[in-house]
Every structure is written in structure tokens, then in C-alpha cells.
Amino acid sequence: MLGLCLALRNNFYPLLIETDSQVLLKILNTTSTKYSSITSDCTDLLDELSDPVLSHIYRESNNVADILAHYGQTMATEDYQHLFLFVTPPTCTMKQLSLDLTGTESTRSIP
């Protein structure tokens, strides 16, 4: 939700949101009362962002986001209220960004 607020505050739209969580997409597209408080907040923000496209993307196609998530865990503090914005990509993402730029495909292993 913080990312949606950041996008709205900085006028980062039109926006395309990709996630590797099919569960998240299902929750946002249903009227489940179990998560109604947070889904209501999210759908309100999505409305304010002119209803961006939400789509599923396989984790293998989202490697930079996965690397950043793991990197963020190493930076986490007890209050989890910090937001880190990078002017340039962190060093840990450079190899994957280079692979993405050259169109290198990654394989997907299915258990």
C-alpha cells in the first residue's frame, strides 16, 4: 500500500502494476470481508491512480524486484516505517539489470 501512496503522491501514473502473487490479485478482485479493511484502502488508492492495470508476472520474470525485496530485508529496522528510495540501482541488482537489458531469459523450474 505504501507503494500506491508513493505513486499517487508523486504522480507516477499511468501505472502498470505487476506482481508474482496470484493470491493478491484474487483478493483485490473479490469482495471478501476477511481482508475488507486493507482491500478497501487499496482499491480506493487504485481508483485515485486511474485504475492501473494489475497483472500477474512469474517470479522468474521479476528477478530485480525479488533481489530488491531480499535487499530490503537486510535493511529492515524494528519499526519497519522506513522507505528507501534509490537514485541509482543498488549494486546487488546490477547483474540482473544487465541480463534484463540484453533480453537474457531465465528458466522456470516446476516442482
C-alpha atoms as a PDB file:
ATOM      1  CA  MET A   1       0.000   0.000   0.000  1.00  0.00           C
ATOM      2  CA  LEU A   2       2.941   2.284   0.662  1.00  0.00           C
ATOM      3  CA  GLY A   3       3.959   1.948  -2.978  1.00  0.00           C
ATOM      4  CA  LEU A   4       0.496   3.041  -4.115  1.00  0.00           C
ATOM      5  CA  CYS A   5       0.651   6.075  -1.828  1.00  0.00           C
ATOM      6  CA  LEU A   6       4.104   6.941  -3.182  1.00  0.00           C
ATOM      7  CA  ALA A   7       2.876   6.648  -6.771  1.00  0.00           C
ATOM      8  CA  LEU A   8      -0.108   8.881  -6.047  1.00  0.00           C
ATOM      9  CA  ARG A   9       1.887  11.494  -4.158  1.00  0.00           C
ATOM     10  CA  ASN A  10       4.475  11.740  -6.957  1.00  0.00           C
ATOM     11  CA  ASN A  11       2.037  11.460  -9.889  1.00  0.00           C
ATOM     12  CA  PHE A  12       3.592   8.215 -11.128  1.00  0.00           C
ATOM     13  CA  TYR A  13       0.767   7.342 -13.458  1.00  0.00           C
ATOM     14  CA  PRO A  14      -0.434   5.959 -15.753  1.00  0.00           C
ATOM     15  CA  LEU A  15       0.852   2.942 -13.902  1.00  0.00           C
ATOM     16  CA  LEU A  16       1.276  -0.764 -14.645  1.00  0.00           C
ATOM     17  CA  ILE A  17       1.491  -2.944 -11.545  1.00  0.00           C
ATOM     18  CA  GLU A  18       2.967  -6.412 -11.899  1.00  0.00           C
ATOM     19  CA  THR A  19       3.047  -8.942  -9.080  1.00  0.00           C
ATOM     20  CA  ASP A  20       4.038 -12.559  -8.753  1.00  0.00           C
ATOM     21  CA  SER A  21       1.267 -13.051  -6.181  1.00  0.00           C
ATOM     22  CA  GLN A  22      -1.845 -14.535  -7.742  1.00  0.00           C
ATOM     23  CA  VAL A  23      -3.366 -14.573  -4.250  1.00  0.00           C
ATOM     24  CA  LEU A  24      -3.034 -10.792  -4.001  1.00  0.00           C
ATOM     25  CA  LEU A  25      -4.723 -10.303  -7.368  1.00  0.00           C
ATOM     26  CA  LYS A  26      -7.550 -12.641  -6.369  1.00  0.00           C
ATOM     27  CA  ILE A  27      -8.090 -10.815  -3.063  1.00  0.00           C
ATOM     28  CA  LEU A  28      -8.135  -7.417  -4.763  1.00  0.00           C
ATOM     29  CA  ASN A  29     -10.656  -8.649  -7.334  1.00  0.00           C
ATOM     30  CA  THR A  30     -13.116 -10.175  -4.875  1.00  0.00           C
ATOM     31  CA  THR A  31     -15.353  -8.766  -2.182  1.00  0.00           C
ATOM     32  CA  SER A  32     -14.018 -10.912   0.662  1.00  0.00           C
ATOM     33  CA  THR A  33     -14.875  -9.486   4.062  1.00  0.00           C
ATOM     34  CA  LYS A  34     -11.840 -11.159   5.620  1.00  0.00           C
ATOM     35  CA  TYR A  35      -9.499  -8.528   4.197  1.00  0.00           C
ATOM     36  CA  SER A  36     -12.042  -5.778   3.545  1.00  0.00           C
ATOM     37  CA  SER A  37     -10.251  -3.074   5.518  1.00  0.00           C
ATOM     38  CA  ILE A  38      -6.969  -3.226   3.626  1.00  0.00           C
ATOM     39  CA  THR A  39      -8.507  -4.134   0.257  1.00  0.00           C
ATOM     40  CA  SER A  40     -10.861  -1.172   0.531  1.00  0.00           C
ATOM     41  CA  ASP A  41      -7.907   1.140   1.159  1.00  0.00           C
ATOM     42  CA  CYS A  42      -6.005  -0.371  -1.766  1.00  0.00           C
ATOM     43  CA  THR A  43      -8.927  -0.179  -4.195  1.00  0.00           C
ATOM     44  CA  ASP A  44      -9.537   3.447  -3.195  1.00  0.00           C
ATOM     45  CA  LEU A  45      -5.891   4.237  -3.982  1.00  0.00           C
ATOM     46  CA  LEU A  46      -6.099   2.313  -7.257  1.00  0.00           C
ATOM     47  CA  ASP A  47      -9.154   4.369  -8.198  1.00  0.00           C
ATOM     48  CA  GLU A  48      -7.234   7.578  -7.459  1.00  0.00           C
ATOM     49  CA  LEU A  49      -4.419   6.290  -9.677  1.00  0.00           C
ATOM     50  CA  SER A  50      -6.867   5.996 -12.613  1.00  0.00           C
ATOM     51  CA  ASP A  51      -7.305   2.221 -12.232  1.00  0.00           C
ATOM     52  CA  PRO A  52      -3.856   0.989 -13.243  1.00  0.00           C
ATOM     53  CA  VAL A  53      -3.516  -2.390 -14.909  1.00  0.00           C
ATOM     54  CA  LEU A  54      -2.820  -5.143 -12.371  1.00  0.00           C
ATOM     55  CA  SER A  55      -1.228  -8.224 -13.865  1.00  0.00           C
ATOM     56  CA  HIS A  56       0.430 -11.447 -12.822  1.00  0.00           C
ATOM     57  CA  ILE A  57       4.065 -11.943 -13.702  1.00  0.00           C
ATOM     58  CA  TYR A  58       6.088 -15.068 -12.965  1.00  0.00           C
ATOM     59  CA  ARG A  59       8.718 -14.670 -10.271  1.00  0.00           C
ATOM     60  CA  GLU A  60      11.418 -15.567 -12.793  1.00  0.00           C
ATOM     61  CA  SER A  61      10.425 -12.508 -14.818  1.00  0.00           C
ATOM     62  CA  ASN A  62      10.541 -10.328 -11.739  1.00  0.00           C
ATOM     63  CA  ASN A  63      14.087 -11.048 -10.567  1.00  0.00           C
ATOM     64  CA  VAL A  64      15.093  -7.445  -9.885  1.00  0.00           C
ATOM     65  CA  ALA A  65      12.060  -6.960  -7.628  1.00  0.00           C
ATOM     66  CA  ASP A  66      12.938 -10.202  -5.823  1.00  0.00           C
ATOM     67  CA  ILE A  67      16.545  -9.060  -5.343  1.00  0.00           C
ATOM     68  CA  LEU A  68      15.343  -5.697  -4.010  1.00  0.00           C
ATOM     69  CA  ALA A  69      12.928  -7.400  -1.606  1.00  0.00           C
ATOM     70  CA  HIS A  70      15.734  -9.533  -0.178  1.00  0.00           C
ATOM     71  CA  TYR A  71      17.995  -6.497  -0.006  1.00  0.00           C
ATOM     72  CA  GLY A  72      15.274  -4.581   1.807  1.00  0.00           C
ATOM     73  CA  GLN A  73      15.058  -7.313   4.425  1.00  0.00           C
ATOM     74  CA  THR A  74      18.702  -6.714   5.276  1.00  0.00           C
ATOM     75  CA  MET A  75      17.938  -3.015   5.768  1.00  0.00           C
ATOM     76  CA  ALA A  76      14.821  -3.543   7.888  1.00  0.00           C
ATOM     77  CA  THR A  77      14.565  -1.901  11.268  1.00  0.00           C
ATOM     78  CA  GLU A  78      12.385  -2.691  14.228  1.00  0.00           C
ATOM     79  CA  ASP A  79       9.752  -0.101  13.357  1.00  0.00           C
ATOM     80  CA  TYR A  80       9.508  -1.018   9.629  1.00  0.00           C
ATOM     81  CA  GLN A  81       8.452   2.550   8.856  1.00  0.00           C
ATOM     82  CA  HIS A  82      11.386   3.475   6.673  1.00  0.00           C
ATOM     83  CA  LEU A  83      11.128   3.807   2.934  1.00  0.00           C
ATOM     84  CA  PHE A  84      14.303   3.661   0.886  1.00  0.00           C
ATOM     85  CA  LEU A  85      14.414   5.384  -2.483  1.00  0.00           C
ATOM     86  CA  PHE A  86      17.419   4.787  -4.700  1.00  0.00           C
ATOM     87  CA  VAL A  87      18.692   7.390  -7.144  1.00  0.00           C
ATOM     88  CA  THR A  88      20.703   4.657  -8.844  1.00  0.00           C
ATOM     89  CA  PRO A  89      20.103   0.914  -8.637  1.00  0.00           C
ATOM     90  CA  PRO A  90      21.838  -0.829  -5.726  1.00  0.00           C
ATOM     91  CA  THR A  91      24.938  -2.789  -6.677  1.00  0.00           C
ATOM     92  CA  CYS A  92      23.200  -6.073  -5.868  1.00  0.00           C
ATOM     93  CA  THR A  93      20.795  -5.550  -8.803  1.00  0.00           C
ATOM     94  CA  MET A  94      23.326  -4.645 -11.479  1.00  0.00           C
ATOM     95  CA  LYS A  95      23.956  -8.175 -12.787  1.00  0.00           C
ATOM     96  CA  GLN A  96      20.241  -8.904 -13.200  1.00  0.00           C
ATOM     97  CA  LEU A  97      19.572  -5.490 -14.751  1.00  0.00           C
ATOM     98  CA  SER A  98      22.317  -6.202 -17.275  1.00  0.00           C
ATOM     99  CA  LEU A  99      20.752  -9.585 -18.086  1.00  0.00           C
ATOM    100  CA  ASP A 100      17.343  -7.928 -18.483  1.00  0.00           C
ATOM    101  CA  LEU A 101      18.752  -5.290 -20.839  1.00  0.00           C
ATOM    102  CA  THR A 102      20.240  -7.959 -23.095  1.00  0.00           C
ATOM    103  CA  GLY A 103      16.992  -9.948 -23.119  1.00  0.00           C
ATOM    104  CA  THR A 104      18.510 -12.948 -21.382  1.00  0.00           C
ATOM    105  CA  GLU A 105      15.756 -15.356 -20.402  1.00  0.00           C
ATOM    106  CA  SER A 106      15.689 -17.273 -17.155  1.00  0.00           C
ATOM    107  CA  THR A 107      14.401 -20.782 -16.745  1.00  0.00           C
ATOM    108  CA  ARG A 108      11.459 -21.707 -14.612  1.00  0.00           C
ATOM    109  CA  SER A 109      11.620 -24.840 -12.510  1.00  0.00           C
ATOM    110  CA  ILE A 110       8.333 -26.514 -11.741  1.00  0.00           C
ATOM    111  CA  PRO A 111       8.362 -28.851  -8.736  1.00  0.00           C
END
